[in-house]
């Protein structure tokens, strides 16, 4: 199981990113613990200055803009 956090304070791109990760995980049969983090202190604690950010298993893998589907598929491979 992958522990995934989507960092963002409620922007449309944050929600799109969360849905995309959820969709790809479901399509690939990958179990994920998907959490939305909207506390700015927590987001800055990851060193992310541009949202949405994505943290997988404690490592920041993306910041700023919606990631493309291929990138998400790679993360969940």
Protein backbone atom coordinates (compact mmCIF):
# COMPACT_ATOMS: atom_id res chain seq x y z
CA UNK A 1 0.00 0.00 0.00
CA UNK A 2 1.24 3.45 -0.90
CA UNK A 3 0.72 6.36 1.46
CA UNK A 4 -0.15 9.37 -0.72
CA UNK A 5 -0.82 12.93 0.36
CA UNK A 6 -2.19 15.59 -1.98
CA UNK A 7 -1.08 18.98 -0.69
CA UNK A 8 -3.24 21.99 -1.39
CA UNK A 9 -5.69 24.38 0.21
CA UNK A 10 -8.77 23.57 -1.84
CA UNK A 11 -7.84 24.69 -5.34
CA UNK A 12 -9.50 23.04 -8.34
CA UNK A 13 -6.15 21.60 -9.47
CA UNK A 14 -5.74 19.94 -6.06
CA UNK A 15 -9.09 18.19 -6.41
CA UNK A 16 -8.30 17.19 -10.01
CA UNK A 17 -4.97 15.74 -8.85
CA UNK A 18 -6.63 13.77 -6.07
CA UNK A 19 -9.25 12.36 -8.45
CA UNK A 20 -6.61 11.43 -11.03
CA UNK A 21 -4.52 9.55 -8.48
CA UNK A 22 -7.61 7.77 -7.17
CA UNK A 23 -8.69 6.84 -10.72
CA UNK A 24 -5.27 5.49 -11.76
CA UNK A 25 -4.88 3.54 -8.51
CA UNK A 26 -8.29 1.94 -9.02
CA UNK A 27 -7.58 1.11 -12.68
CA UNK A 28 -4.25 -0.51 -11.78
CA UNK A 29 -5.55 -2.28 -8.68
CA UNK A 30 -3.07 -0.48 -6.43
CA UNK A 31 -4.04 -0.04 -2.80
CA UNK A 32 -3.46 3.51 -1.62
CA UNK A 33 -4.06 5.49 1.52
CA UNK A 34 -4.96 8.84 -0.06
CA UNK A 35 -5.06 11.88 2.21
CA UNK A 36 -5.78 15.53 1.42
CA UNK A 37 -3.57 17.98 3.33
CA UNK A 38 -4.85 21.54 3.36
CA UNK A 39 -3.02 22.98 6.37
CA UNK A 40 -0.53 25.54 5.02
CA UNK A 41 1.93 24.86 7.84
CA UNK A 42 1.98 21.16 6.97
CA UNK A 43 2.32 21.92 3.24
CA UNK A 44 5.25 24.27 3.87
CA UNK A 45 6.74 21.62 6.18
CA UNK A 46 7.20 19.45 3.08
CA UNK A 47 9.00 22.34 1.36
CA UNK A 48 6.22 22.72 -1.21
CA UNK A 49 5.70 26.30 -2.30
CA UNK A 50 3.39 25.64 -5.27
CA UNK A 51 0.29 23.47 -5.06
CA UNK A 52 -0.91 20.93 -5.73
CA UNK A 53 1.88 18.90 -4.28
CA UNK A 54 2.05 15.13 -4.09
CA UNK A 55 3.91 13.20 -1.41
CA UNK A 56 4.29 9.43 -1.75
CA UNK A 57 5.59 7.41 1.17
CA UNK A 58 7.05 10.56 2.72
CA UNK A 59 8.82 11.85 -0.42
CA UNK A 60 7.68 14.88 -2.44
CA UNK A 61 7.28 13.70 -6.04
CA UNK A 62 5.43 16.66 -7.52
CA UNK A 63 4.67 20.33 -6.91
CA UNK A 64 2.72 22.84 -8.98
CA UNK A 65 0.03 22.05 -11.54
CA UNK A 66 -1.85 18.86 -12.28
CA UNK A 67 0.51 15.98 -13.07
CA UNK A 68 -0.08 14.12 -16.32
CA UNK A 69 -1.56 10.64 -16.24
CA UNK A 70 1.69 8.92 -17.30
CA UNK A 71 3.51 10.47 -14.36
CA UNK A 72 0.86 9.18 -11.94
CA UNK A 73 1.03 5.73 -13.55
CA UNK A 74 4.79 5.70 -12.99
CA UNK A 75 4.37 6.62 -9.34
CA UNK A 76 1.90 3.77 -8.85
CA UNK A 77 3.84 1.14 -10.80
